[in-house]
Amino acid sequence: MSSSSSSSNGKINSADKLPTDSEFICDMCMEKFSQADRLQEHRAKKHSAPTGI
């Protein structure tokens, strides 16, 4: 009995991948950034969301 997030063909879907230590993902649109400050800038400009949280 196995519980895994991989699909029936044994391959892991890219959506199932965890982000790396150097990857930041916008929780509003799932866009990826390599630097935290770029993510904060994106949140402010694209989503008018609070930054520094």
C-alpha atoms as a PDB file:
ATOM      1  CA  MET A   1       0.000   0.000   0.000  1.00  0.00           C
ATOM      2  CA  SER A   2       1.567   3.239  -1.165  1.00  0.00           C
ATOM      3  CA  SER A   3       0.400   6.819  -0.865  1.00  0.00           C
ATOM      4  CA  SER A   4       2.241   9.126  -3.193  1.00  0.00           C
ATOM      5  CA  SER A   5       1.488  12.265  -5.147  1.00  0.00           C
ATOM      6  CA  SER A   6       2.788  10.766  -8.375  1.00  0.00           C
ATOM      7  CA  SER A   7       0.427   9.908 -11.188  1.00  0.00           C
ATOM      8  CA  SER A   8      -0.515   6.389 -12.240  1.00  0.00           C
ATOM      9  CA  ASN A   9       2.350   6.203 -14.741  1.00  0.00           C
ATOM     10  CA  GLY A  10       4.894   6.683 -11.953  1.00  0.00           C
ATOM     11  CA  LYS A  11       6.018  10.146 -13.024  1.00  0.00           C
ATOM     12  CA  ILE A  12       5.669  13.126 -10.719  1.00  0.00           C
ATOM     13  CA  ASN A  13       3.653  15.981 -12.178  1.00  0.00           C
ATOM     14  CA  SER A  14       5.467  19.319 -12.320  1.00  0.00           C
ATOM     15  CA  ALA A  15       2.644  20.803 -10.211  1.00  0.00           C
ATOM     16  CA  ASP A  16       3.581  18.331  -7.454  1.00  0.00           C
ATOM     17  CA  LYS A  17       7.185  19.601  -7.278  1.00  0.00           C
ATOM     18  CA  LEU A  18       8.173  21.483  -4.170  1.00  0.00           C
ATOM     19  CA  PRO A  19       9.950  24.804  -4.701  1.00  0.00           C
ATOM     20  CA  THR A  20      13.698  24.889  -4.177  1.00  0.00           C
ATOM     21  CA  ASP A  21      15.349  27.007  -1.486  1.00  0.00           C
ATOM     22  CA  SER A  22      16.104  29.693  -4.068  1.00  0.00           C
ATOM     23  CA  GLU A  23      12.630  29.843  -5.590  1.00  0.00           C
ATOM     24  CA  PHE A  24       9.826  32.133  -4.446  1.00  0.00           C
ATOM     25  CA  ILE A  25       6.273  31.660  -5.734  1.00  0.00           C
ATOM     26  CA  CYS A  26       3.494  34.233  -5.763  1.00  0.00           C
ATOM     27  CA  ASP A  27       0.559  32.747  -3.870  1.00  0.00           C
ATOM     28  CA  MET A  28      -1.865  34.788  -5.974  1.00  0.00           C
ATOM     29  CA  CYS A  29      -0.828  33.729  -9.488  1.00  0.00           C
ATOM     30  CA  MET A  30       1.884  31.063  -9.019  1.00  0.00           C
ATOM     31  CA  GLU A  31       4.532  33.077 -10.911  1.00  0.00           C
ATOM     32  CA  LYS A  32       8.058  32.092  -9.829  1.00  0.00           C
ATOM     33  CA  PHE A  33      10.896  34.392  -8.789  1.00  0.00           C
ATOM     34  CA  SER A  34      14.534  33.735  -7.910  1.00  0.00           C
ATOM     35  CA  GLN A  35      14.712  36.584  -5.366  1.00  0.00           C
ATOM     36  CA  ALA A  36      12.354  37.468  -2.524  1.00  0.00           C
ATOM     37  CA  ASP A  37      12.510  41.195  -3.255  1.00  0.00           C
ATOM     38  CA  ARG A  38      11.396  40.562  -6.854  1.00  0.00           C
ATOM     39  CA  LEU A  39       8.383  38.680  -5.483  1.00  0.00           C
ATOM     40  CA  GLN A  40       7.544  41.566  -3.141  1.00  0.00           C
ATOM     41  CA  GLU A  41       7.788  44.034  -6.034  1.00  0.00           C
ATOM     42  CA  HIS A  42       5.547  41.796  -8.171  1.00  0.00           C
ATOM     43  CA  ARG A  43       2.925  41.514  -5.403  1.00  0.00           C
ATOM     44  CA  ALA A  44       2.792  45.298  -5.009  1.00  0.00           C
ATOM     45  CA  LYS A  45       2.628  46.119  -8.731  1.00  0.00           C
ATOM     46  CA  LYS A  46       0.483  43.300 -10.133  1.00  0.00           C
ATOM     47  CA  HIS A  47      -1.851  42.525  -7.250  1.00  0.00           C
ATOM     48  CA  SER A  48      -1.791  45.690  -5.094  1.00  0.00           C
ATOM     49  CA  ALA A  49      -1.054  43.270  -2.262  1.00  0.00           C
ATOM     50  CA  PRO A  50       0.778  44.046   0.975  1.00  0.00           C
ATOM     51  CA  THR A  51       4.531  43.450   0.988  1.00  0.00           C
ATOM     52  CA  GLY A  52       6.991  42.495   3.692  1.00  0.00           C
ATOM     53  CA  ILE A  53       4.710  39.916   5.240  1.00  0.00           C
END
